[in-house]
Amino acid sequence: MKKTLVVLGILFLLTGCGKSKTNIESNSFFLKTDNGYQLYSMNGSIITDTKFDKYNEYNDYYIVKKDDKVGVINKKGKITVSFEKYERIETFLNFFVGYNGDNKYIIDGNDNTIIDLKDNEIYKSDSKSIFIVKNTKDKKIVLINKNGKPILNIPYNTEDIYIKETEDYAVVFNNGINYLLDINNTKEITNFKSDRNYCVDKVDKNQILLKTCKNNLFETNVEYRLVLDNKVYNDDNSCSKMTLHNNTATCTNSTETFIYINDKISLQ
């Protein structure tokens, strides 16, 4: 016990001086004792009497294991996912995946089911804010944001799905259609057909400038689309170059230059 208190004192001093982000923000930490890991508060008091065999910190929670049983507790030591429910728990984006026999579920830290994976499969994507679920029974594809909210439904197909995202917006390209999404407000802004996938280039108030993504070094022909008040412009590729500055989109081609204010206004 004396050894534990000494280690606690040293750890408290270190975290106080170094301001460890995880410990300061969570106000709790695990410390290895003789018979396992125990959760302590920053003032050195014991939060959980239970000594766990293993733990894994994830966002505001800990996945903990005791006697071959696994559960989830929050930073205050409260059990939020029962130790009796799942055989295995893994992390996935902002969520957890709970396994029980042949059944598996995407859940949040409070054991609310986001997706039952019985008739669904997760489509692999590089996105950090959106995950894709293909429902093999109902034949539909749903895109879900990191808060567990559905953001887009698209017709079921077997074509690849590409996601290019910024902090606030994403462009989803599938089956010849680009879908522009507002990630934070969980809604589709607009969509348009093209045989190329687009990326968000610049955003200025109610205007969003898109341009074709450069997927390899050999792609030199850039195409543009302007989304103004949810309407798509330049779908005929008449603009060889487009810029967006001070909430004004300028289009240039071989014969003229014009700007967009509700519609085209020629400058020549």
C-alpha atoms as a PDB file:
ATOM      1  CA  MET A   1       0.000   0.000   0.000  1.00  0.00           C
ATOM      2  CA  LYS A   2       2.867   2.341   0.861  1.00  0.00           C
ATOM      3  CA  LYS A   3       4.406   1.682  -2.534  1.00  0.00           C
ATOM      4  CA  THR A   4       1.084   2.468  -4.231  1.00  0.00           C
ATOM      5  CA  LEU A   5       0.755   5.792  -2.384  1.00  0.00           C
ATOM      6  CA  VAL A   6       4.295   6.792  -3.323  1.00  0.00           C
ATOM      7  CA  VAL A   7       3.619   6.023  -6.999  1.00  0.00           C
ATOM      8  CA  LEU A   8       0.349   7.945  -6.764  1.00  0.00           C
ATOM      9  CA  GLY A   9       2.116  10.955  -5.353  1.00  0.00           C
ATOM     10  CA  ILE A  10       4.751  10.922  -8.071  1.00  0.00           C
ATOM     11  CA  LEU A  11       2.120  10.456 -10.783  1.00  0.00           C
ATOM     12  CA  PHE A  12       0.030  13.311  -9.377  1.00  0.00           C
ATOM     13  CA  LEU A  13       3.048  15.629  -9.393  1.00  0.00           C
ATOM     14  CA  LEU A  14       3.966  14.648 -12.924  1.00  0.00           C
ATOM     15  CA  THR A  15       0.466  15.137 -14.300  1.00  0.00           C
ATOM     16  CA  GLY A  16       0.162  18.435 -12.443  1.00  0.00           C
ATOM     17  CA  CYS A  17       3.439  19.745 -13.861  1.00  0.00           C
ATOM     18  CA  GLY A  18       3.182  18.286 -17.340  1.00  0.00           C
ATOM     19  CA  LYS A  19      -0.574  18.837 -17.654  1.00  0.00           C
ATOM     20  CA  SER A  20      -1.166  15.522 -19.365  1.00  0.00           C
ATOM     21  CA  LYS A  21      -4.150  16.150 -21.629  1.00  0.00           C
ATOM     22  CA  THR A  22      -5.854  12.826 -21.009  1.00  0.00           C
ATOM     23  CA  ASN A  23      -5.572  12.837 -17.219  1.00  0.00           C
ATOM     24  CA  ILE A  24      -6.392  16.517 -16.698  1.00  0.00           C
ATOM     25  CA  GLU A  25      -9.481  16.364 -18.899  1.00  0.00           C
ATOM     26  CA  SER A  26     -10.798  13.044 -17.629  1.00  0.00           C
ATOM     27  CA  ASN A  27      -9.929  13.634 -13.941  1.00  0.00           C
ATOM     28  CA  SER A  28      -9.311   9.915 -13.537  1.00  0.00           C
ATOM     29  CA  PHE A  29      -6.658   7.372 -14.400  1.00  0.00           C
ATOM     30  CA  PHE A  30      -5.859   3.705 -13.955  1.00  0.00           C
ATOM     31  CA  LEU A  31      -3.057   2.580 -11.697  1.00  0.00           C
ATOM     32  CA  LYS A  32      -1.627  -0.927 -11.588  1.00  0.00           C
ATOM     33  CA  THR A  33      -1.877  -2.490  -8.140  1.00  0.00           C
ATOM     34  CA  ASP A  34      -0.962  -5.962  -6.861  1.00  0.00           C
ATOM     35  CA  ASN A  35      -4.086  -7.632  -8.239  1.00  0.00           C
ATOM     36  CA  GLY A  36      -4.937  -5.582 -11.296  1.00  0.00           C
ATOM     37  CA  TYR A  37      -5.784  -2.054 -12.432  1.00  0.00           C
ATOM     38  CA  GLN A  38      -7.824   0.308 -10.290  1.00  0.00           C
ATOM     39  CA  LEU A  39      -9.415   3.636 -11.239  1.00  0.00           C
ATOM     40  CA  TYR A  40      -8.279   6.670  -9.232  1.00  0.00           C
ATOM     41  CA  SER A  41      -9.292  10.308  -9.182  1.00  0.00           C
ATOM     42  CA  MET A  42      -6.702  13.045  -9.577  1.00  0.00           C
ATOM     43  CA  ASN A  43      -6.731  13.709  -5.828  1.00  0.00           C
ATOM     44  CA  GLY A  44      -5.605  10.120  -5.223  1.00  0.00           C
ATOM     45  CA  SER A  45      -8.904   8.635  -4.027  1.00  0.00           C
ATOM     46  CA  ILE A  46     -10.083   5.250  -5.299  1.00  0.00           C
ATOM     47  CA  ILE A  47     -13.057   5.460  -7.688  1.00  0.00           C
ATOM     48  CA  THR A  48     -13.636   1.742  -8.315  1.00  0.00           C
ATOM     49  CA  ASP A  49     -13.229  -0.988  -5.727  1.00  0.00           C
ATOM     50  CA  THR A  50     -13.039  -3.515  -8.567  1.00  0.00           C
ATOM     51  CA  LYS A  51      -9.554  -4.329  -9.807  1.00  0.00           C
ATOM     52  CA  PHE A  52      -9.663  -4.987 -13.530  1.00  0.00           C
ATOM     53  CA  ASP A  53      -7.413  -7.339 -15.477  1.00  0.00           C
ATOM     54  CA  LYS A  54      -7.160  -5.045 -18.516  1.00  0.00           C
ATOM     55  CA  TYR A  55      -8.396  -1.646 -19.651  1.00  0.00           C
ATOM     56  CA  ASN A  56      -8.417   0.407 -22.835  1.00  0.00           C
ATOM     57  CA  GLU A  57      -9.196   4.131 -22.790  1.00  0.00           C
ATOM     58  CA  TYR A  58     -11.441   5.306 -25.617  1.00  0.00           C
ATOM     59  CA  ASN A  59     -12.888   8.823 -25.786  1.00  0.00           C
ATOM     60  CA  ASP A  60     -14.793   9.378 -22.525  1.00  0.00           C
ATOM     61  CA  TYR A  61     -14.882   5.699 -21.584  1.00  0.00           C
ATOM     62  CA  TYR A  62     -12.794   2.685 -20.654  1.00  0.00           C
ATOM     63  CA  ILE A  63     -13.270  -0.820 -22.033  1.00  0.00           C
ATOM     64  CA  VAL A  64     -12.457  -2.989 -19.030  1.00  0.00           C
ATOM     65  CA  LYS A  65     -12.030  -6.743 -18.561  1.00  0.00           C
ATOM     66  CA  LYS A  66     -12.504  -8.774 -15.391  1.00  0.00           C
ATOM     67  CA  ASP A  67     -12.454 -12.583 -15.119  1.00  0.00           C
ATOM     68  CA  ASP A  68     -13.005 -13.061 -18.891  1.00  0.00           C
ATOM     69  CA  LYS A  69     -15.954 -10.657 -18.860  1.00  0.00           C
ATOM     70  CA  VAL A  70     -15.835  -7.341 -20.667  1.00  0.00           C
ATOM     71  CA  GLY A  71     -17.784  -4.111 -20.181  1.00  0.00           C
ATOM     72  CA  VAL A  72     -17.517  -0.334 -20.437  1.00  0.00           C
ATOM     73  CA  ILE A  73     -17.244   2.243 -17.659  1.00  0.00           C
ATOM     74  CA  ASN A  74     -17.115   6.015 -17.872  1.00  0.00           C
ATOM     75  CA  LYS A  75     -14.445   8.274 -16.358  1.00  0.00           C
ATOM     76  CA  LYS A  76     -16.408   8.402 -13.084  1.00  0.00           C
ATOM     77  CA  GLY A  77     -16.317   4.612 -12.772  1.00  0.00           C
ATOM     78  CA  LYS A  78     -20.000   4.068 -13.620  1.00  0.00           C
ATOM     79  CA  ILE A  79     -20.765   0.918 -15.615  1.00  0.00           C
ATOM     80  CA  THR A  80     -22.347   2.042 -18.893  1.00  0.00           C
ATOM     81  CA  VAL A  81     -22.206  -1.267 -20.802  1.00  0.00           C
ATOM     82  CA  SER A  82     -22.971  -4.371 -18.738  1.00  0.00           C
ATOM     83  CA  PHE A  83     -20.362  -7.068 -18.187  1.00  0.00           C
ATOM     84  CA  GLU A  84     -23.026  -9.690 -18.886  1.00  0.00           C
ATOM     85  CA  LYS A  85     -24.058  -8.570 -22.360  1.00  0.00           C
ATOM     86  CA  TYR A  86     -21.129  -8.964 -24.785  1.00  0.00           C
ATOM     87  CA  GLU A  87     -18.394 -11.541 -25.223  1.00  0.00           C
ATOM     88  CA  ARG A  88     -16.102  -8.997 -26.885  1.00  0.00           C
ATOM     89  CA  ILE A  89     -16.096  -5.228 -27.332  1.00  0.00           C
ATOM     90  CA  GLU A  90     -14.031  -3.361 -29.912  1.00  0.00           C
ATOM     91  CA  THR A  91     -13.767   0.273 -30.948  1.00  0.00           C
ATOM     92  CA  PHE A  92     -15.089   1.668 -34.217  1.00  0.00           C
ATOM     93  CA  LEU A  93     -14.904   5.347 -35.207  1.00  0.00           C
ATOM     94  CA  ASN A  94     -16.693   7.136 -32.343  1.00  0.00           C
ATOM     95  CA  PHE A  95     -18.456   3.970 -31.216  1.00  0.00           C
ATOM     96  CA  PHE A  96     -18.048   0.425 -29.954  1.00  0.00           C
ATOM     97  CA  VAL A  97     -18.846  -2.906 -31.555  1.00  0.00           C
ATOM     98  CA  GLY A  98     -20.343  -5.472 -29.180  1.00  0.00           C
ATOM     99  CA  TYR A  99     -20.137  -9.170 -30.080  1.00  0.00           C
ATOM    100  CA  ASN A 100     -22.549 -11.752 -28.713  1.00  0.00           C
ATOM    101  CA  GLY A 101     -22.307 -15.121 -30.447  1.00  0.00           C
ATOM    102  CA  ASP A 102     -23.064 -14.590 -34.125  1.00  0.00           C
ATOM    103  CA  ASN A 103     -24.677 -11.226 -33.399  1.00  0.00           C
ATOM    104  CA  LYS A 104     -22.850  -7.920 -33.387  1.00  0.00           C
ATOM    105  CA  TYR A 105     -23.980  -4.371 -32.796  1.00  0.00           C
ATOM    106  CA  ILE A 106     -22.557  -0.885 -33.186  1.00  0.00           C
ATOM    107  CA  ILE A 107     -23.297   0.837 -29.871  1.00  0.00           C
ATOM    108  CA  ASP A 108     -22.443   4.099 -28.167  1.00  0.00           C
ATOM    109  CA  GLY A 109     -20.831   4.389 -24.748  1.00  0.00           C
ATOM    110  CA  ASN A 110     -24.198   4.131 -23.007  1.00  0.00           C
ATOM    111  CA  ASP A 111     -25.131   0.883 -24.810  1.00  0.00           C
ATOM    112  CA  ASN A 112     -27.595   2.511 -27.189  1.00  0.00           C
ATOM    113  CA  THR A 113     -27.705   0.461 -30.393  1.00  0.00           C
ATOM    114  CA  ILE A 114     -26.735   2.527 -33.433  1.00  0.00           C
ATOM    115  CA  ILE A 115     -26.822  -0.329 -35.938  1.00  0.00           C
ATOM    116  CA  ASP A 116     -27.743  -4.003 -35.595  1.00  0.00           C
ATOM    117  CA  LEU A 117     -25.290  -5.674 -37.947  1.00  0.00           C
ATOM    118  CA  LYS A 118     -27.410  -8.786 -38.471  1.00  0.00           C
ATOM    119  CA  ASP A 119     -28.579  -7.692 -41.930  1.00  0.00           C
ATOM    120  CA  ASN A 120     -26.013  -4.925 -42.368  1.00  0.00           C
ATOM    121  CA  GLU A 121     -22.403  -4.834 -43.353  1.00  0.00           C
ATOM    122  CA  ILE A 122     -19.922  -2.020 -42.817  1.00  0.00           C
ATOM    123  CA  TYR A 123     -18.441  -0.757 -46.064  1.00  0.00           C
ATOM    124  CA  LYS A 124     -14.754  -0.009 -45.669  1.00  0.00           C
ATOM    125  CA  SER A 125     -13.952   3.684 -46.036  1.00  0.00           C
ATOM    126  CA  ASP A 126     -11.094   6.051 -45.233  1.00  0.00           C
ATOM    127  CA  SER A 127     -13.506   8.636 -43.843  1.00  0.00           C
ATOM    128  CA  LYS A 128     -12.933   9.784 -40.261  1.00  0.00           C
ATOM    129  CA  SER A 129     -16.382  11.292 -39.773  1.00  0.00           C
ATOM    130  CA  ILE A 130     -18.769   9.077 -41.772  1.00  0.00           C
ATOM    131  CA  PHE A 131     -19.311   5.342 -41.909  1.00  0.00           C
ATOM    132  CA  ILE A 132     -21.236   3.449 -44.554  1.00  0.00           C
ATOM    133  CA  VAL A 133     -23.732   0.680 -43.881  1.00  0.00           C
ATOM    134  CA  LYS A 134     -25.014  -1.594 -46.625  1.00  0.00           C
ATOM    135  CA  ASN A 135     -28.294  -3.288 -45.729  1.00  0.00           C
ATOM    136  CA  THR A 136     -28.294  -6.597 -47.562  1.00  0.00           C
ATOM    137  CA  LYS A 137     -31.903  -7.384 -46.619  1.00  0.00           C
ATOM    138  CA  ASP A 138     -33.679  -4.104 -47.436  1.00  0.00           C
ATOM    139  CA  LYS A 139     -31.203  -3.293 -50.226  1.00  0.00           C
ATOM    140  CA  LYS A 140     -30.258   0.197 -49.131  1.00  0.00           C
ATOM    141  CA  ILE A 141     -27.083   2.114 -48.313  1.00  0.00           C
ATOM    142  CA  VAL A 142     -27.009   4.507 -45.375  1.00  0.00           C
ATOM    143  CA  LEU A 143     -24.262   6.965 -44.465  1.00  0.00           C
ATOM    144  CA  ILE A 144     -24.040   7.788 -40.760  1.00  0.00           C
ATOM    145  CA  ASN A 145     -22.054  10.570 -39.106  1.00  0.00           C
ATOM    146  CA  LYS A 146     -19.802  10.233 -36.053  1.00  0.00           C
ATOM    147  CA  ASN A 147     -22.712  11.090 -33.745  1.00  0.00           C
ATOM    148  CA  GLY A 148     -24.743   8.159 -35.007  1.00  0.00           C
ATOM    149  CA  LYS A 149     -27.152  10.250 -37.110  1.00  0.00           C
ATOM    150  CA  PRO A 150     -28.136   9.111 -40.636  1.00  0.00           C
ATOM    151  CA  ILE A 151     -26.943  11.715 -43.117  1.00  0.00           C
ATOM    152  CA  LEU A 152     -27.695  10.167 -46.521  1.00  0.00           C
ATOM    153  CA  ASN A 153     -29.590   7.277 -48.119  1.00  0.00           C
ATOM    154  CA  ILE A 154     -28.537   6.192 -51.588  1.00  0.00           C
ATOM    155  CA  PRO A 155     -29.916   3.447 -53.846  1.00  0.00           C
ATOM    156  CA  TYR A 156     -28.333   0.043 -53.273  1.00  0.00           C
ATOM    157  CA  ASN A 157     -25.631  -0.867 -55.777  1.00  0.00           C
ATOM    158  CA  THR A 158     -22.335  -2.690 -55.914  1.00  0.00           C
ATOM    159  CA  GLU A 159     -20.226   0.221 -57.184  1.00  0.00           C
ATOM    160  CA  ASP A 160     -17.391   1.635 -55.078  1.00  0.00           C
ATOM    161  CA  ILE A 161     -18.143   4.534 -52.728  1.00  0.00           C
ATOM    162  CA  TYR A 162     -15.617   7.363 -52.369  1.00  0.00           C
ATOM    163  CA  ILE A 163     -15.734  10.044 -49.683  1.00  0.00           C
ATOM    164  CA  LYS A 164     -13.713  13.255 -49.803  1.00  0.00           C
ATOM    165  CA  GLU A 165     -14.249  15.455 -46.766  1.00  0.00           C
ATOM    166  CA  THR A 166     -13.315  18.665 -45.027  1.00  0.00           C
ATOM    167  CA  GLU A 167     -14.147  19.544 -41.447  1.00  0.00           C
ATOM    168  CA  ASP A 168     -17.688  20.650 -42.345  1.00  0.00           C
ATOM    169  CA  TYR A 169     -18.503  19.129 -45.732  1.00  0.00           C
ATOM    170  CA  ALA A 170     -18.144  15.877 -47.611  1.00  0.00           C
ATOM    171  CA  VAL A 171     -18.590  14.803 -51.208  1.00  0.00           C
ATOM    172  CA  VAL A 172     -19.706  11.215 -51.671  1.00  0.00           C
ATOM    173  CA  PHE A 173     -19.184   9.742 -55.138  1.00  0.00           C
ATOM    174  CA  ASN A 174     -21.085   6.610 -56.077  1.00  0.00           C
ATOM    175  CA  ASN A 175     -22.482   5.170 -59.278  1.00  0.00           C
ATOM    176  CA  GLY A 176     -21.895   8.337 -61.322  1.00  0.00           C
ATOM    177  CA  ILE A 177     -23.394  10.756 -58.787  1.00  0.00           C
ATOM    178  CA  ASN A 178     -21.663  13.261 -56.480  1.00  0.00           C
ATOM    179  CA  TYR A 179     -23.561  13.950 -53.240  1.00  0.00           C
ATOM    180  CA  LEU A 180     -22.589  17.130 -51.365  1.00  0.00           C
ATOM    181  CA  LEU A 181     -23.211  16.755 -47.623  1.00  0.00           C
ATOM    182  CA  ASP A 182     -23.319  19.146 -44.694  1.00  0.00           C
ATOM    183  CA  ILE A 183     -21.691  16.920 -42.071  1.00  0.00           C
ATOM    184  CA  ASN A 184     -22.508  18.969 -38.979  1.00  0.00           C
ATOM    185  CA  ASN A 185     -26.161  19.525 -39.875  1.00  0.00           C
ATOM    186  CA  THR A 186     -26.558  15.940 -41.134  1.00  0.00           C
ATOM    187  CA  LYS A 187     -28.155  16.805 -44.442  1.00  0.00           C
ATOM    188  CA  GLU A 188     -27.643  16.502 -48.172  1.00  0.00           C
ATOM    189  CA  ILE A 189     -27.156  19.884 -49.824  1.00  0.00           C
ATOM    190  CA  THR A 190     -27.424  18.765 -53.439  1.00  0.00           C
ATOM    191  CA  ASN A 191     -26.239  16.138 -55.896  1.00  0.00           C
ATOM    192  CA  PHE A 192     -25.217  16.040 -59.542  1.00  0.00           C
ATOM    193  CA  LYS A 193     -24.221  13.482 -62.140  1.00  0.00           C
ATOM    194  CA  SER A 194     -20.659  13.140 -63.397  1.00  0.00           C
ATOM    195  CA  ASP A 195     -18.235  10.416 -64.352  1.00  0.00           C
ATOM    196  CA  ARG A 196     -15.619  12.040 -62.055  1.00  0.00           C
ATOM    197  CA  ASN A 197     -15.565  12.531 -58.303  1.00  0.00           C
ATOM    198  CA  TYR A 198     -15.342  16.036 -56.857  1.00  0.00           C
ATOM    199  CA  CYS A 199     -13.718  17.602 -53.785  1.00  0.00           C
ATOM    200  CA  VAL A 200     -14.607  20.751 -51.849  1.00  0.00           C
ATOM    201  CA  ASP A 201     -12.169  23.464 -52.953  1.00  0.00           C
ATOM    202  CA  LYS A 202     -13.440  26.531 -51.092  1.00  0.00           C
ATOM    203  CA  VAL A 203     -16.448  27.676 -49.059  1.00  0.00           C
ATOM    204  CA  ASP A 204     -17.568  31.283 -48.751  1.00  0.00           C
ATOM    205  CA  LYS A 205     -20.894  31.957 -47.020  1.00  0.00           C
ATOM    206  CA  ASN A 206     -23.644  30.500 -49.245  1.00  0.00           C
ATOM    207  CA  GLN A 207     -21.282  29.401 -52.025  1.00  0.00           C
ATOM    208  CA  ILE A 208     -19.278  26.209 -52.269  1.00  0.00           C
ATOM    209  CA  LEU A 209     -16.716  25.709 -55.024  1.00  0.00           C
ATOM    210  CA  LEU A 210     -16.013  22.117 -56.019  1.00  0.00           C
ATOM    211  CA  LYS A 211     -13.380  20.776 -58.346  1.00  0.00           C
ATOM    212  CA  THR A 212     -12.481  17.332 -59.581  1.00  0.00           C
ATOM    213  CA  CYS A 213     -10.280  15.409 -57.186  1.00  0.00           C
ATOM    214  CA  LYS A 214      -6.781  14.636 -58.348  1.00  0.00           C
ATOM    215  CA  ASN A 215      -6.687  10.873 -57.953  1.00  0.00           C
ATOM    216  CA  ASN A 216      -3.378  10.363 -59.709  1.00  0.00           C
ATOM    217  CA  LEU A 217      -0.468  12.307 -61.181  1.00  0.00           C
ATOM    218  CA  PHE A 218      -1.720  11.909 -64.744  1.00  0.00           C
ATOM    219  CA  GLU A 219      -5.006  13.771 -64.227  1.00  0.00           C
ATOM    220  CA  THR A 220      -4.432  17.337 -65.423  1.00  0.00           C
ATOM    221  CA  ASN A 221      -7.871  18.314 -66.718  1.00  0.00           C
ATOM    222  CA  VAL A 222      -9.677  20.058 -63.851  1.00  0.00           C
ATOM    223  CA  GLU A 223     -13.439  20.562 -63.897  1.00  0.00           C
ATOM    224  CA  TYR A 224     -15.434  22.849 -61.598  1.00  0.00           C
ATOM    225  CA  ARG A 225     -18.881  23.029 -60.086  1.00  0.00           C
ATOM    226  CA  LEU A 226     -20.303  25.946 -58.114  1.00  0.00           C
ATOM    227  CA  VAL A 227     -23.026  25.335 -55.571  1.00  0.00           C
ATOM    228  CA  LEU A 228     -24.907  28.578 -54.950  1.00  0.00           C
ATOM    229  CA  ASP A 229     -27.949  28.459 -52.674  1.00  0.00           C
ATOM    230  CA  ASN A 230     -28.078  24.676 -53.217  1.00  0.00           C
ATOM    231  CA  LYS A 231     -28.168  25.007 -57.022  1.00  0.00           C
ATOM    232  CA  VAL A 232     -25.338  23.567 -59.138  1.00  0.00           C
ATOM    233  CA  TYR A 233     -23.688  25.735 -61.806  1.00  0.00           C
ATOM    234  CA  ASN A 234     -21.189  24.959 -64.580  1.00  0.00           C
ATOM    235  CA  ASP A 235     -22.593  21.501 -65.218  1.00  0.00           C
ATOM    236  CA  ASP A 236     -21.816  22.060 -68.891  1.00  0.00           C
ATOM    237  CA  ASN A 237     -18.108  22.672 -68.076  1.00  0.00           C
ATOM    238  CA  SER A 238     -18.186  26.037 -69.845  1.00  0.00           C
ATOM    239  CA  CYS A 239     -15.784  27.437 -67.221  1.00  0.00           C
ATOM    240  CA  SER A 240     -12.230  26.303 -67.774  1.00  0.00           C
ATOM    241  CA  LYS A 241     -11.284  27.917 -64.452  1.00  0.00           C
ATOM    242  CA  MET A 242     -13.291  29.090 -61.453  1.00  0.00           C
ATOM    243  CA  THR A 243     -12.300  31.019 -58.350  1.00  0.00           C
ATOM    244  CA  LEU A 244     -14.192  32.058 -55.219  1.00  0.00           C
ATOM    245  CA  HIS A 245     -13.235  35.212 -53.353  1.00  0.00           C
ATOM    246  CA  ASN A 246     -15.218  37.590 -51.115  1.00  0.00           C
ATOM    247  CA  ASN A 247     -18.359  35.564 -51.744  1.00  0.00           C
ATOM    248  CA  THR A 248     -18.009  36.102 -55.491  1.00  0.00           C
ATOM    249  CA  ALA A 249     -17.424  33.233 -57.913  1.00  0.00           C
ATOM    250  CA  THR A 250     -15.588  34.117 -61.107  1.00  0.00           C
ATOM    251  CA  CYS A 251     -15.673  31.963 -64.231  1.00  0.00           C
ATOM    252  CA  THR A 252     -13.152  32.188 -67.042  1.00  0.00           C
ATOM    253  CA  ASN A 253     -13.193  30.498 -70.424  1.00  0.00           C
ATOM    254  CA  SER A 254     -11.713  31.154 -73.845  1.00  0.00           C
ATOM    255  CA  THR A 255     -14.311  33.773 -74.829  1.00  0.00           C
ATOM    256  CA  GLU A 256     -15.501  35.553 -71.706  1.00  0.00           C
ATOM    257  CA  THR A 257     -15.274  36.108 -67.978  1.00  0.00           C
ATOM    258  CA  PHE A 258     -18.344  36.339 -65.793  1.00  0.00           C
ATOM    259  CA  ILE A 259     -19.384  36.187 -62.163  1.00  0.00           C
ATOM    260  CA  TYR A 260     -22.245  34.482 -60.402  1.00  0.00           C
ATOM    261  CA  ILE A 261     -24.745  36.531 -58.413  1.00  0.00           C
ATOM    262  CA  ASN A 262     -27.876  34.393 -58.322  1.00  0.00           C
ATOM    263  CA  ASP A 263     -27.013  33.649 -61.968  1.00  0.00           C
ATOM    264  CA  LYS A 264     -24.420  34.471 -64.626  1.00  0.00           C
ATOM    265  CA  ILE A 265     -23.419  38.114 -65.066  1.00  0.00           C
ATOM    266  CA  SER A 266     -20.952  38.678 -67.901  1.00  0.00           C
ATOM    267  CA  LEU A 267     -18.031  41.017 -67.309  1.00  0.00           C
ATOM    268  CA  GLN A 268     -17.337  41.470 -71.020  1.00  0.00           C
END
